[in-house]
Amino acid sequence: MRAFIKVWGNEYPVGIIVWDYTTHRIFNITFRDENDKAYTVFNEKDANGEYNLEDNKGNADVMLTANLDEIVYLKEKTHRAVNDEF
């Protein structure tokens, strides 16, 4: 199985998932976009009580937040490429 995140109209493979064992939820994830820019996204609302990932494409310098329970999902991996990342 492989985790993916659907954001900005695309699907990206998730490289790192941090699991919060006390709440039994995803704490944060890290993925790379098509320009190889890495983003870490936390599974919570920002200081304004909102999720901000959709509004921050290309801006990995802010604390990114999203409802990861809704946009991260698993797919069965059918093969492994020679240079498969993560």
Foldseek 3Di string as FASTA:
>chain_A
DWKWFQAPNDIWTWDDWDADPVVRHTQWTWTADPVRDIAIEGQAADPVRHACQNVQVPNRPDHGYDNCVPGMDDDDDDDDDPPDDD
